[in-house]
Protein backbone atom coordinates (compact mmCIF):
# COMPACT_ATOMS: atom_id res chain seq x y z
CA UNK A 1 94.36 128.05 113.55
CA UNK A 2 92.49 126.08 110.89
CA UNK A 3 93.58 122.70 109.65
CA UNK A 4 94.56 122.70 106.10
CA UNK A 5 95.54 120.11 103.56
CA UNK A 6 93.60 117.08 102.47
CA UNK A 7 95.81 114.36 104.05
CA UNK A 8 95.57 116.20 107.46
CA UNK A 9 91.86 116.94 107.27
CA UNK A 10 90.78 113.45 106.09
CA UNK A 11 93.18 111.78 108.70
CA UNK A 12 91.62 113.98 111.42
CA UNK A 13 88.08 113.16 110.15
CA UNK A 14 88.89 109.55 110.43
CA UNK A 15 90.33 109.71 114.02
CA UNK A 16 87.50 111.96 115.13
CA UNK A 17 84.53 109.82 113.53
CA UNK A 18 85.99 106.23 113.55
CA UNK A 19 82.55 104.81 113.21
CA UNK A 20 82.40 106.34 109.68
CA UNK A 21 85.26 104.12 108.73
CA UNK A 22 86.84 106.52 106.34
CA UNK A 23 89.95 104.31 106.52
CA UNK A 24 90.28 100.81 107.51
CA UNK A 25 90.62 100.52 111.23
CA UNK A 26 94.40 99.69 112.36
CA UNK A 27 96.57 99.78 115.42
CA UNK A 28 99.63 98.90 113.36
CA UNK A 29 101.65 102.00 112.96
CA UNK A 30 103.11 100.79 109.66
CA UNK A 31 99.65 100.24 108.38
CA UNK A 32 98.52 103.53 109.27
CA UNK A 33 101.54 105.07 107.63
CA UNK A 34 100.99 103.21 104.40
CA UNK A 35 97.23 104.76 104.47
CA UNK A 36 98.95 108.17 105.10
CA UNK A 37 100.87 107.50 101.91
CA UNK A 38 97.82 106.58 99.97
CA UNK A 39 96.25 109.96 100.87
CA UNK A 40 99.34 111.71 100.09
CA UNK A 41 99.59 109.95 96.91
CA UNK A 42 96.25 111.15 95.69
CA UNK A 43 96.57 114.64 97.12
CA UNK A 44 100.12 115.16 95.69
CA UNK A 45 100.34 113.16 92.53
CA UNK A 46 96.96 112.35 91.17
CA UNK A 47 95.09 115.75 92.22
CA UNK A 48 97.60 117.95 90.85
CA UNK A 49 97.86 115.98 87.52
CA UNK A 50 93.98 116.26 87.43
CA UNK A 51 94.29 119.90 87.71
CA UNK A 52 96.37 120.23 84.60
CA UNK A 53 93.62 118.34 82.84
CA UNK A 54 90.64 120.09 84.16
CA UNK A 55 91.99 123.59 84.70
CA UNK A 56 94.98 123.97 82.45
CA UNK A 57 94.40 127.74 82.41
CA UNK A 58 95.82 127.95 85.97
CA UNK A 59 99.27 127.24 84.41
CA UNK A 60 99.84 129.67 81.51
CA UNK A 61 98.80 133.16 81.00
CA UNK A 62 97.37 132.21 77.45
CA UNK A 63 94.15 130.59 78.20
CA UNK A 64 93.93 129.22 74.61
CA UNK A 65 97.28 127.79 74.63
CA UNK A 66 96.63 126.01 77.97
CA UNK A 67 94.17 123.90 76.30
CA UNK A 68 96.52 123.05 73.48
CA UNK A 69 99.56 122.49 75.68
CA UNK A 70 98.89 121.78 79.19
CA UNK A 71 95.81 119.60 78.92
CA UNK A 72 97.47 117.18 76.60
CA UNK A 73 100.44 116.94 78.64
CA UNK A 74 98.30 116.22 81.85
CA UNK A 75 96.42 113.48 80.00
CA UNK A 76 99.65 111.88 79.12
CA UNK A 77 100.89 112.03 82.66
CA UNK A 78 97.70 110.72 83.89
CA UNK A 79 97.70 107.52 81.80
CA UNK A 80 100.36 105.73 83.87
CA UNK A 81 98.75 106.96 86.96
CA UNK A 82 95.44 105.54 86.01
CA UNK A 83 97.04 102.30 84.80
CA UNK A 84 98.74 101.85 88.33
CA UNK A 85 95.35 102.58 90.21
CA UNK A 86 93.44 100.27 87.63
CA UNK A 87 95.93 97.41 88.61
CA UNK A 88 95.53 98.36 92.14
CA UNK A 89 91.67 97.69 91.87
CA UNK A 90 92.07 94.09 90.36
CA UNK A 91 92.17 92.89 93.96
CA UNK A 92 88.80 94.19 95.02
CA UNK A 93 86.17 96.83 94.13
CA UNK A 94 87.69 99.36 96.57
CA UNK A 95 91.30 100.77 97.21
CA UNK A 96 91.65 98.57 100.27
CA UNK A 97 89.93 95.42 98.59
CA UNK A 98 86.50 94.88 100.29
CA UNK A 99 86.17 97.94 102.44
CA UNK A 100 85.27 101.47 101.05
CA UNK A 101 87.44 104.29 102.09
CA UNK A 102 87.87 107.91 101.78
CA UNK A 103 90.44 107.10 99.04
CA UNK A 104 87.71 105.61 97.01
CA UNK A 105 85.91 108.88 97.29
CA UNK A 106 89.00 110.81 96.26
CA UNK A 107 89.30 108.38 93.22
CA UNK A 108 85.77 108.95 92.39
CA UNK A 109 85.98 112.66 92.59
CA UNK A 110 89.14 112.81 90.26
CA UNK A 111 87.80 110.23 87.69
CA UNK A 112 84.33 112.30 87.34
CA UNK A 113 86.54 115.47 86.75
CA UNK A 114 88.83 114.10 84.26
CA UNK A 115 86.45 112.15 82.11
CA UNK A 116 84.09 115.19 82.08
CA UNK A 117 86.70 116.90 79.87
CA UNK A 118 87.73 113.95 77.68
CA UNK A 119 90.16 111.64 79.37
CA UNK A 120 89.61 108.28 77.87
CA UNK A 121 88.05 105.68 80.17
CA UNK A 122 88.00 102.76 77.82
CA UNK A 123 91.25 101.04 79.05
CA UNK A 124 90.42 101.12 82.62
CA UNK A 125 87.80 98.47 83.30
CA UNK A 126 88.39 98.19 87.11
CA UNK A 127 88.16 101.94 87.78
CA UNK A 128 84.86 101.86 85.68
CA UNK A 129 83.63 99.16 87.75
CA UNK A 130 84.68 101.26 90.82
CA UNK A 131 82.90 104.19 89.56
CA UNK A 132 79.67 102.30 88.76
CA UNK A 133 79.69 100.65 92.35
CA UNK A 134 80.33 104.15 93.86
CA UNK A 135 77.26 105.42 92.01
CA UNK A 136 75.29 102.84 93.81
CA UNK A 137 76.19 104.05 97.31
CA UNK A 138 73.43 106.19 98.89
CA UNK A 139 76.05 108.86 100.22
CA UNK A 140 77.45 109.33 96.56
CA UNK A 141 73.83 109.80 95.22
CA UNK A 142 72.98 112.26 97.88
CA UNK A 143 76.18 114.14 97.44
CA UNK A 144 75.74 114.16 93.63
CA UNK A 145 72.20 115.41 94.12
CA UNK A 146 73.65 118.23 96.26
CA UNK A 147 76.15 119.04 93.50
CA UNK A 148 73.52 119.30 90.82
CA UNK A 149 71.60 121.50 93.11
CA UNK A 150 74.44 123.81 93.85
CA UNK A 151 75.27 123.86 90.02
CA UNK A 152 71.63 125.06 89.39
CA UNK A 153 72.29 127.82 91.94
CA UNK A 154 75.52 128.95 90.18
CA UNK A 155 73.66 129.04 86.92
CA UNK A 156 70.91 131.24 88.13
CA UNK A 157 73.39 133.51 89.49
CA UNK A 158 75.46 133.56 86.22
CA UNK A 159 78.39 132.07 87.94
CA UNK A 160 78.65 128.46 86.43
CA UNK A 161 81.35 127.70 83.80
CA UNK A 162 80.82 124.26 82.30
CA UNK A 163 84.02 122.13 81.86
CA UNK A 164 85.71 122.63 78.67
């Protein structure tokens, strides 16, 4: 049986590959539960709100109306979420202060998606710093290069649709 759901997959990968430090190491059950809650927050709150911004056509049958109705509501709903995240990042460059984690990768992915379709970034200096630091990470550079290569493949096959 396949393992599904971001929270389960990321937690499993963290336990399977502890040296990768996908989450800060802990033996405290409450700290582990808080980490699970952080992953669930991104999976169940941040990600679905981002989908309303980046893929509003999934929510109504009239594609044009989705861009006029769903996306603005998604943007409106995302502002307080990003304000909370920006405040959280005041204490350090990463979600857990000085330690990069898979939560930071999740934030980076969401941020790159929502800003690519017009979510305003000016009022979120700590997230912008976070993204700039993420861009300097060799693993992020490798992943973004792979994504660019894959986009070129999709374009060559006529399957790429740029964000709108």
